[in-house]
Amino acid sequence: MIHELASVHPNAKIGKNVTIGPFTYIEEDVQIGDDAWIGPHVTIFDGARIGNGCQIFPTAVISAVSQDLKYRGEYTTVEIGDNTVIREGVTIHRGTADQMKTSIGKNCLIMIYVHIAHDCIIGDNVIIAGYSGLSGHIRIDDWAILEGKVAAQQFVHIGAHTFVGGTSKIRKDIPPYIKVAKDPLSYIGVNSVGLKRRGYTEDKIRTIEKIYKILFIQNKNISNGIEIVKKEIPECQERKIILDFIADSPNGMIKGFG
């Protein structure tokens, strides 16, 4: 149902069973999947690709052009996966020539007044709590959780299953499976509670804990820690994921506390 007071361009592609509230503005080059709910006073600009079952709450602004001064009007998009919830006041900007898109995966929850800048690539099942801000070119992998008022600078990579404490300032990459907090942002343990909820066995969690004990507690030099992990921890998927992340971390990583 499209409210009579909504402004929806006739060429916008609106799926089945979609609700669009009053005073919502939707431009021509917009696609919205089936069973979506778009509340009142939402603004959706050209380039938005919104999946099935999404919910977008009042005053959210989707697919505004990038604030990057290098943006030259190239055709870019914002892509939002199925069943993702965008709460009040969220702003999500289109990509630039870097990625050509800003994307958010499936089943994510983006809470009030979060800003997601150009070229951010966010995985599935990610939660970003209120008043957090992501600068451009940030990557967040599946199942990561950012508590409220987190600020992340450009180009950082946040690994899968991580938990970032509230009011944190992210200036370095955060490898998978861990909890981080304090200032400067530091490793404070493995996200064992989150991993258990997602079906990780005790053996896998213990292996992850051993890896990070070597990397962040027993060694101040990450290169030395990597060599010890390779010698002492048998090959497994979790070891590969952690070491591959570190190898592909040009920004450098957070460190163990103290």
C-alpha atoms as a PDB file:
ATOM      1  CA  MET A   1       0.000   0.000   0.000  1.00  0.00           C
ATOM      2  CA  ILE A   2       1.388   3.382  -1.026  1.00  0.00           C
ATOM      3  CA  HIS A   3      -0.029   6.222   1.034  1.00  0.00           C
ATOM      4  CA  GLU A   4      -1.650   8.977  -0.988  1.00  0.00           C
ATOM      5  CA  LEU A   5       0.684  11.528   0.597  1.00  0.00           C
ATOM      6  CA  ALA A   6       3.840   9.663  -0.446  1.00  0.00           C
ATOM      7  CA  SER A   7       5.791  10.853  -3.491  1.00  0.00           C
ATOM      8  CA  VAL A   8       6.858   7.784  -5.479  1.00  0.00           C
ATOM      9  CA  HIS A   9       8.184   8.168  -9.011  1.00  0.00           C
ATOM     10  CA  PRO A  10       6.043   6.135 -11.425  1.00  0.00           C
ATOM     11  CA  ASN A  11       9.139   4.408 -12.850  1.00  0.00           C
ATOM     12  CA  ALA A  12      10.405   3.198  -9.456  1.00  0.00           C
ATOM     13  CA  LYS A  13      10.222  -0.600  -9.221  1.00  0.00           C
ATOM     14  CA  ILE A  14       8.143  -1.502  -6.188  1.00  0.00           C
ATOM     15  CA  GLY A  15       7.607  -5.160  -5.271  1.00  0.00           C
ATOM     16  CA  LYS A  16       4.509  -6.936  -4.026  1.00  0.00           C
ATOM     17  CA  ASN A  17       2.920  -6.246  -0.648  1.00  0.00           C
ATOM     18  CA  VAL A  18       5.053  -3.152   0.014  1.00  0.00           C
ATOM     19  CA  THR A  19       3.901  -0.482   2.459  1.00  0.00           C
ATOM     20  CA  ILE A  20       5.068   3.108   1.912  1.00  0.00           C
ATOM     21  CA  GLY A  21       4.091   5.691   4.507  1.00  0.00           C
ATOM     22  CA  PRO A  22       3.016   9.336   4.106  1.00  0.00           C
ATOM     23  CA  PHE A  23       5.528  12.042   3.158  1.00  0.00           C
ATOM     24  CA  THR A  24       8.058   9.485   1.952  1.00  0.00           C
ATOM     25  CA  TYR A  25       9.959  10.481  -1.192  1.00  0.00           C
ATOM     26  CA  ILE A  26      11.230   7.843  -3.666  1.00  0.00           C
ATOM     27  CA  GLU A  27      13.079   8.718  -6.886  1.00  0.00           C
ATOM     28  CA  GLU A  28      12.946   7.051 -10.294  1.00  0.00           C
ATOM     29  CA  ASP A  29      15.936   4.691 -10.230  1.00  0.00           C
ATOM     30  CA  VAL A  30      14.920   2.810  -7.089  1.00  0.00           C
ATOM     31  CA  GLN A  31      14.107  -0.864  -6.637  1.00  0.00           C
ATOM     32  CA  ILE A  32      12.296  -2.194  -3.558  1.00  0.00           C
ATOM     33  CA  GLY A  33      11.647  -5.916  -3.048  1.00  0.00           C
ATOM     34  CA  ASP A  34       8.527  -7.713  -1.908  1.00  0.00           C
ATOM     35  CA  ASP A  35       7.050  -7.365   1.594  1.00  0.00           C
ATOM     36  CA  ALA A  36       9.116  -4.293   2.479  1.00  0.00           C
ATOM     37  CA  TRP A  37       7.890  -1.677   4.925  1.00  0.00           C
ATOM     38  CA  ILE A  38       8.944   1.903   4.291  1.00  0.00           C
ATOM     39  CA  GLY A  39       7.761   4.224   7.044  1.00  0.00           C
ATOM     40  CA  PRO A  40       6.756   7.895   6.824  1.00  0.00           C
ATOM     41  CA  HIS A  41       9.225  10.674   6.087  1.00  0.00           C
ATOM     42  CA  VAL A  42      11.807   8.389   4.462  1.00  0.00           C
ATOM     43  CA  THR A  43      13.919   9.662   1.556  1.00  0.00           C
ATOM     44  CA  ILE A  44      15.208   7.166  -1.022  1.00  0.00           C
ATOM     45  CA  PHE A  45      17.307   8.594  -3.841  1.00  0.00           C
ATOM     46  CA  ASP A  46      18.313   7.135  -7.219  1.00  0.00           C
ATOM     47  CA  GLY A  47      20.526   4.060  -7.089  1.00  0.00           C
ATOM     48  CA  ALA A  48      18.881   2.349  -4.114  1.00  0.00           C
ATOM     49  CA  ARG A  49      18.430  -1.419  -4.369  1.00  0.00           C
ATOM     50  CA  ILE A  50      16.437  -2.632  -1.387  1.00  0.00           C
ATOM     51  CA  GLY A  51      15.750  -6.329  -0.809  1.00  0.00           C
ATOM     52  CA  ASN A  52      12.698  -8.296   0.246  1.00  0.00           C
ATOM     53  CA  GLY A  53      11.265  -7.868   3.727  1.00  0.00           C
ATOM     54  CA  CYS A  54      13.313  -4.802   4.634  1.00  0.00           C
ATOM     55  CA  GLN A  55      12.051  -2.235   7.125  1.00  0.00           C
ATOM     56  CA  ILE A  56      13.088   1.413   6.898  1.00  0.00           C
ATOM     57  CA  PHE A  57      11.971   3.727   9.690  1.00  0.00           C
ATOM     58  CA  PRO A  58      11.132   7.457   9.612  1.00  0.00           C
ATOM     59  CA  THR A  59      13.694  10.102   8.581  1.00  0.00           C
ATOM     60  CA  ALA A  60      16.166   7.589   7.162  1.00  0.00           C
ATOM     61  CA  VAL A  61      17.974   8.808   4.021  1.00  0.00           C
ATOM     62  CA  ILE A  62      19.074   6.091   1.600  1.00  0.00           C
ATOM     63  CA  SER A  63      21.386   6.488  -1.417  1.00  0.00           C
ATOM     64  CA  ALA A  64      22.292  10.150  -1.113  1.00  0.00           C
ATOM     65  CA  VAL A  65      25.335  11.072  -3.205  1.00  0.00           C
ATOM     66  CA  SER A  66      28.721  10.669  -1.573  1.00  0.00           C
ATOM     67  CA  GLN A  67      30.331  13.440   0.460  1.00  0.00           C
ATOM     68  CA  ASP A  68      33.722  12.355  -0.926  1.00  0.00           C
ATOM     69  CA  LEU A  69      35.205  15.361  -2.754  1.00  0.00           C
ATOM     70  CA  LYS A  70      36.654  12.971  -5.355  1.00  0.00           C
ATOM     71  CA  TYR A  71      33.162  11.901  -6.416  1.00  0.00           C
ATOM     72  CA  ARG A  72      32.529  13.047  -9.986  1.00  0.00           C
ATOM     73  CA  GLY A  73      28.961  11.954 -10.553  1.00  0.00           C
ATOM     74  CA  GLU A  74      29.724   8.377 -11.643  1.00  0.00           C
ATOM     75  CA  TYR A  75      26.771   5.973 -11.563  1.00  0.00           C
ATOM     76  CA  THR A  76      26.823   4.159  -8.231  1.00  0.00           C
ATOM     77  CA  THR A  77      24.367   2.398  -5.948  1.00  0.00           C
ATOM     78  CA  VAL A  78      23.362   1.464  -2.424  1.00  0.00           C
ATOM     79  CA  GLU A  79      22.432  -2.211  -2.042  1.00  0.00           C
ATOM     80  CA  ILE A  80      20.551  -3.486   1.015  1.00  0.00           C
ATOM     81  CA  GLY A  81      19.968  -7.213   1.517  1.00  0.00           C
ATOM     82  CA  ASP A  82      16.774  -9.036   2.447  1.00  0.00           C
ATOM     83  CA  ASN A  83      15.225  -8.573   5.894  1.00  0.00           C
ATOM     84  CA  THR A  84      17.582  -5.817   6.966  1.00  0.00           C
ATOM     85  CA  VAL A  85      16.157  -3.204   9.353  1.00  0.00           C
ATOM     86  CA  ILE A  86      17.154   0.458   9.031  1.00  0.00           C
ATOM     87  CA  ARG A  87      16.039   2.486  12.037  1.00  0.00           C
ATOM     88  CA  GLU A  88      15.245   6.179  12.488  1.00  0.00           C
ATOM     89  CA  GLY A  89      17.601   8.814  11.163  1.00  0.00           C
ATOM     90  CA  VAL A  90      20.056   6.456   9.482  1.00  0.00           C
ATOM     91  CA  THR A  91      21.989   7.871   6.509  1.00  0.00           C
ATOM     92  CA  ILE A  92      23.553   5.614   3.861  1.00  0.00           C
ATOM     93  CA  HIS A  93      25.507   7.171   0.990  1.00  0.00           C
ATOM     94  CA  ARG A  94      26.147   5.816  -2.499  1.00  0.00           C
ATOM     95  CA  GLY A  95      29.533   4.478  -3.537  1.00  0.00           C
ATOM     96  CA  THR A  96      32.172   6.151  -5.657  1.00  0.00           C
ATOM     97  CA  ALA A  97      34.569   4.925  -8.344  1.00  0.00           C
ATOM     98  CA  ASP A  98      36.357   2.855  -5.674  1.00  0.00           C
ATOM     99  CA  GLN A  99      33.676   0.171  -5.170  1.00  0.00           C
ATOM    100  CA  MET A 100      30.867   1.645  -7.294  1.00  0.00           C
ATOM    101  CA  LYS A 101      28.481   0.760  -4.475  1.00  0.00           C
ATOM    102  CA  THR A 102      27.813   0.836  -0.768  1.00  0.00           C
ATOM    103  CA  SER A 103      26.331  -2.467   0.355  1.00  0.00           C
ATOM    104  CA  ILE A 104      24.689  -3.917   3.439  1.00  0.00           C
ATOM    105  CA  GLY A 105      23.982  -7.637   3.634  1.00  0.00           C
ATOM    106  CA  LYS A 106      20.982  -9.670   4.721  1.00  0.00           C
ATOM    107  CA  ASN A 107      19.413  -9.727   8.193  1.00  0.00           C
ATOM    108  CA  CYS A 108      21.323  -6.704   9.463  1.00  0.00           C
ATOM    109  CA  LEU A 109      20.129  -4.245  12.105  1.00  0.00           C
ATOM    110  CA  ILE A 110      21.257  -0.645  11.680  1.00  0.00           C
ATOM    111  CA  MET A 111      20.069   1.305  14.728  1.00  0.00           C
ATOM    112  CA  ILE A 112      19.138   4.962  15.117  1.00  0.00           C
ATOM    113  CA  TYR A 113      21.274   7.766  13.673  1.00  0.00           C
ATOM    114  CA  VAL A 114      23.992   5.519  12.269  1.00  0.00           C
ATOM    115  CA  HIS A 115      25.903   6.967   9.310  1.00  0.00           C
ATOM    116  CA  ILE A 116      27.318   4.614   6.662  1.00  0.00           C
ATOM    117  CA  ALA A 117      29.516   6.463   4.200  1.00  0.00           C
ATOM    118  CA  HIS A 118      30.436   5.738   0.591  1.00  0.00           C
ATOM    119  CA  ASP A 119      31.942   2.410  -0.478  1.00  0.00           C
ATOM    120  CA  CYS A 120      31.374   0.605   2.819  1.00  0.00           C
ATOM    121  CA  ILE A 121      30.835  -3.133   2.339  1.00  0.00           C
ATOM    122  CA  ILE A 122      28.927  -4.745   5.209  1.00  0.00           C
ATOM    123  CA  GLY A 123      28.227  -8.482   5.449  1.00  0.00           C
ATOM    124  CA  ASP A 124      25.214 -10.451   6.668  1.00  0.00           C
ATOM    125  CA  ASN A 125      23.789 -10.482  10.214  1.00  0.00           C
ATOM    126  CA  VAL A 126      25.720  -7.385  11.265  1.00  0.00           C
ATOM    127  CA  ILE A 127      24.429  -5.141  14.081  1.00  0.00           C
ATOM    128  CA  ILE A 128      25.492  -1.500  14.320  1.00  0.00           C
ATOM    129  CA  ALA A 129      24.102   0.262  17.382  1.00  0.00           C
ATOM    130  CA  GLY A 130      22.928   3.853  17.607  1.00  0.00           C
ATOM    131  CA  TYR A 131      24.971   6.960  16.859  1.00  0.00           C
ATOM    132  CA  SER A 132      27.841   5.021  15.306  1.00  0.00           C
ATOM    133  CA  GLY A 133      29.619   6.418  12.264  1.00  0.00           C
ATOM    134  CA  LEU A 134      31.437   4.599   9.487  1.00  0.00           C
ATOM    135  CA  SER A 135      33.739   6.644   7.271  1.00  0.00           C
ATOM    136  CA  GLY A 136      34.246   5.621   3.657  1.00  0.00           C
ATOM    137  CA  HIS A 137      35.713   2.383   2.307  1.00  0.00           C
ATOM    138  CA  ILE A 138      35.137   0.314   5.476  1.00  0.00           C
ATOM    139  CA  ARG A 139      34.576  -3.426   5.327  1.00  0.00           C
ATOM    140  CA  ILE A 140      32.643  -5.277   8.030  1.00  0.00           C
ATOM    141  CA  ASP A 141      32.366  -9.061   7.807  1.00  0.00           C
ATOM    142  CA  ASP A 142      29.421 -11.297   8.789  1.00  0.00           C
ATOM    143  CA  TRP A 143      28.064 -11.390  12.352  1.00  0.00           C
ATOM    144  CA  ALA A 144      30.071  -8.421  13.623  1.00  0.00           C
ATOM    145  CA  ILE A 145      28.472  -6.294  16.360  1.00  0.00           C
ATOM    146  CA  LEU A 146      29.318  -2.643  16.980  1.00  0.00           C
ATOM    147  CA  GLU A 147      27.923  -1.151  20.169  1.00  0.00           C
ATOM    148  CA  GLY A 148      26.725   2.447  20.336  1.00  0.00           C
ATOM    149  CA  LYS A 149      28.715   5.559  19.420  1.00  0.00           C
ATOM    150  CA  VAL A 150      31.506   3.677  17.674  1.00  0.00           C
ATOM    151  CA  ALA A 151      33.575   5.794  15.271  1.00  0.00           C
ATOM    152  CA  ALA A 152      35.527   4.049  12.502  1.00  0.00           C
ATOM    153  CA  GLN A 153      38.023   5.768  10.214  1.00  0.00           C
ATOM    154  CA  GLN A 154      38.394   5.129   6.483  1.00  0.00           C
ATOM    155  CA  PHE A 155      39.582   1.810   5.038  1.00  0.00           C
ATOM    156  CA  VAL A 156      39.527  -0.259   8.237  1.00  0.00           C
ATOM    157  CA  HIS A 157      38.480  -3.912   8.101  1.00  0.00           C
ATOM    158  CA  ILE A 158      36.395  -5.427  10.903  1.00  0.00           C
ATOM    159  CA  GLY A 159      36.448  -9.221  10.936  1.00  0.00           C
ATOM    160  CA  ALA A 160      33.625 -11.724  11.283  1.00  0.00           C
ATOM    161  CA  HIS A 161      32.102 -12.461  14.713  1.00  0.00           C
ATOM    162  CA  THR A 162      33.804  -9.489  16.333  1.00  0.00           C
ATOM    163  CA  PHE A 163      32.301  -7.467  19.184  1.00  0.00           C
ATOM    164  CA  VAL A 164      33.280  -3.809  19.435  1.00  0.00           C
ATOM    165  CA  GLY A 165      32.589  -2.069  22.745  1.00  0.00           C
ATOM    166  CA  GLY A 166      30.600   1.154  22.883  1.00  0.00           C
ATOM    167  CA  THR A 167      32.258   4.537  22.222  1.00  0.00           C
ATOM    168  CA  SER A 168      35.275   2.815  20.654  1.00  0.00           C
ATOM    169  CA  LYS A 169      37.459   4.594  18.097  1.00  0.00           C
ATOM    170  CA  ILE A 170      38.522   2.209  15.338  1.00  0.00           C
ATOM    171  CA  ARG A 171      41.770   3.209  13.630  1.00  0.00           C
ATOM    172  CA  LYS A 172      43.203  -0.239  12.893  1.00  0.00           C
ATOM    173  CA  ASP A 173      41.859  -3.527  11.525  1.00  0.00           C
ATOM    174  CA  ILE A 174      40.100  -5.886  13.939  1.00  0.00           C
ATOM    175  CA  PRO A 175      40.703  -9.599  13.245  1.00  0.00           C
ATOM    176  CA  PRO A 176      37.839 -12.121  13.471  1.00  0.00           C
ATOM    177  CA  TYR A 177      36.294 -13.779  16.526  1.00  0.00           C
ATOM    178  CA  ILE A 178      37.414 -11.274  19.161  1.00  0.00           C
ATOM    179  CA  LYS A 179      36.116  -8.613  21.541  1.00  0.00           C
ATOM    180  CA  VAL A 180      37.747  -5.178  21.543  1.00  0.00           C
ATOM    181  CA  ALA A 181      37.368  -2.163  23.821  1.00  0.00           C
ATOM    182  CA  LYS A 182      39.379   0.401  25.865  1.00  0.00           C
ATOM    183  CA  ASP A 183      41.348   3.362  24.539  1.00  0.00           C
ATOM    184  CA  PRO A 184      43.453   2.835  22.522  1.00  0.00           C
ATOM    185  CA  LEU A 185      41.281   0.070  21.111  1.00  0.00           C
ATOM    186  CA  SER A 186      42.660  -3.286  22.227  1.00  0.00           C
ATOM    187  CA  TYR A 187      42.025  -7.029  22.307  1.00  0.00           C
ATOM    188  CA  ILE A 188      40.153  -7.997  25.482  1.00  0.00           C
ATOM    189  CA  GLY A 189      39.285 -11.629  24.690  1.00  0.00           C
ATOM    190  CA  VAL A 190      37.575 -13.986  22.299  1.00  0.00           C
ATOM    191  CA  ASN A 191      33.868 -13.444  21.576  1.00  0.00           C
ATOM    192  CA  SER A 192      33.057 -16.861  23.023  1.00  0.00           C
ATOM    193  CA  VAL A 193      29.439 -16.020  23.878  1.00  0.00           C
ATOM    194  CA  GLY A 194      28.683 -14.950  20.306  1.00  0.00           C
ATOM    195  CA  LEU A 195      30.479 -17.964  18.868  1.00  0.00           C
ATOM    196  CA  LYS A 196      28.514 -20.386  21.064  1.00  0.00           C
ATOM    197  CA  ARG A 197      25.260 -18.782  19.949  1.00  0.00           C
ATOM    198  CA  ARG A 198      26.274 -19.409  16.330  1.00  0.00           C
ATOM    199  CA  GLY A 199      27.087 -23.074  16.830  1.00  0.00           C
ATOM    200  CA  TYR A 200      30.844 -23.069  17.363  1.00  0.00           C
ATOM    201  CA  THR A 201      31.983 -26.057  19.427  1.00  0.00           C
ATOM    202  CA  GLU A 202      34.015 -25.772  22.616  1.00  0.00           C
ATOM    203  CA  ASP A 203      37.004 -27.280  20.797  1.00  0.00           C
ATOM    204  CA  LYS A 204      36.890 -24.629  18.063  1.00  0.00           C
ATOM    205  CA  ILE A 205      36.541 -21.837  20.589  1.00  0.00           C
ATOM    206  CA  ARG A 206      39.509 -23.166  22.604  1.00  0.00           C
ATOM    207  CA  THR A 207      41.587 -23.270  19.422  1.00  0.00           C
ATOM    208  CA  ILE A 208      40.710 -19.647  18.666  1.00  0.00           C
ATOM    209  CA  GLU A 209      41.589 -18.679  22.242  1.00  0.00           C
ATOM    210  CA  LYS A 210      44.987 -20.411  21.953  1.00  0.00           C
ATOM    211  CA  ILE A 211      45.748 -18.580  18.713  1.00  0.00           C
ATOM    212  CA  TYR A 212      44.981 -15.177  20.165  1.00  0.00           C
ATOM    213  CA  LYS A 213      46.817 -15.948  23.403  1.00  0.00           C
ATOM    214  CA  ILE A 214      49.927 -16.516  21.295  1.00  0.00           C
ATOM    215  CA  LEU A 215      49.345 -13.457  19.108  1.00  0.00           C
ATOM    216  CA  PHE A 216      48.237 -10.862  21.648  1.00  0.00           C
ATOM    217  CA  ILE A 217      49.333 -12.009  25.123  1.00  0.00           C
ATOM    218  CA  GLN A 218      52.526 -14.019  24.785  1.00  0.00           C
ATOM    219  CA  ASN A 219      54.036 -11.974  21.944  1.00  0.00           C
ATOM    220  CA  LYS A 220      54.463  -8.256  21.407  1.00  0.00           C
ATOM    221  CA  ASN A 221      55.740  -8.887  17.881  1.00  0.00           C
ATOM    222  CA  ILE A 222      52.937 -10.111  15.626  1.00  0.00           C
ATOM    223  CA  SER A 223      55.335 -11.665  13.100  1.00  0.00           C
ATOM    224  CA  ASN A 224      56.875 -13.844  15.807  1.00  0.00           C
ATOM    225  CA  GLY A 225      53.408 -14.768  17.027  1.00  0.00           C
ATOM    226  CA  ILE A 226      52.352 -15.875  13.546  1.00  0.00           C
ATOM    227  CA  GLU A 227      55.341 -18.227  13.277  1.00  0.00           C
ATOM    228  CA  ILE A 228      54.539 -19.755  16.665  1.00  0.00           C
ATOM    229  CA  VAL A 229      50.879 -20.231  15.678  1.00  0.00           C
ATOM    230  CA  LYS A 230      51.969 -22.042  12.518  1.00  0.00           C
ATOM    231  CA  LYS A 231      54.189 -24.364  14.561  1.00  0.00           C
ATOM    232  CA  GLU A 232      51.942 -25.017  17.563  1.00  0.00           C
ATOM    233  CA  ILE A 233      48.354 -24.868  16.245  1.00  0.00           C
ATOM    234  CA  PRO A 234      47.305 -27.636  13.826  1.00  0.00           C
ATOM    235  CA  GLU A 235      45.867 -26.499  10.509  1.00  0.00           C
ATOM    236  CA  CYS A 236      42.134 -25.796  10.695  1.00  0.00           C
ATOM    237  CA  GLN A 237      39.617 -23.401   9.174  1.00  0.00           C
ATOM    238  CA  GLU A 238      39.767 -20.966  12.101  1.00  0.00           C
ATOM    239  CA  ARG A 239      43.569 -20.763  11.980  1.00  0.00           C
ATOM    240  CA  LYS A 240      43.453 -20.136   8.224  1.00  0.00           C
ATOM    241  CA  ILE A 241      40.828 -17.403   8.556  1.00  0.00           C
ATOM    242  CA  ILE A 242      42.797 -15.580  11.255  1.00  0.00           C
ATOM    243  CA  LEU A 243      46.171 -15.805   9.500  1.00  0.00           C
ATOM    244  CA  ASP A 244      44.699 -14.860   6.128  1.00  0.00           C
ATOM    245  CA  PHE A 245      43.082 -11.802   7.720  1.00  0.00           C
ATOM    246  CA  ILE A 246      46.391 -10.714   9.238  1.00  0.00           C
ATOM    247  CA  ALA A 247      48.225 -11.244   5.949  1.00  0.00           C
ATOM    248  CA  ASP A 248      45.694  -9.019   4.174  1.00  0.00           C
ATOM    249  CA  SER A 249      45.838  -6.150   6.668  1.00  0.00           C
ATOM    250  CA  PRO A 250      47.752  -3.233   5.134  1.00  0.00           C
ATOM    251  CA  ASN A 251      46.420  -0.834   7.780  1.00  0.00           C
ATOM    252  CA  GLY A 252      47.885  -2.810  10.677  1.00  0.00           C
ATOM    253  CA  MET A 253      45.857  -4.357  13.474  1.00  0.00           C
ATOM    254  CA  ILE A 254      44.755  -3.498  16.979  1.00  0.00           C
ATOM    255  CA  LYS A 255      46.990  -4.832  19.730  1.00  0.00           C
ATOM    256  CA  GLY A 256      46.635  -6.618  23.036  1.00  0.00           C
ATOM    257  CA  PHE A 257      45.790  -4.330  25.941  1.00  0.00           C
ATOM    258  CA  GLY A 258      48.840  -2.923  27.731  1.00  0.00           C
END
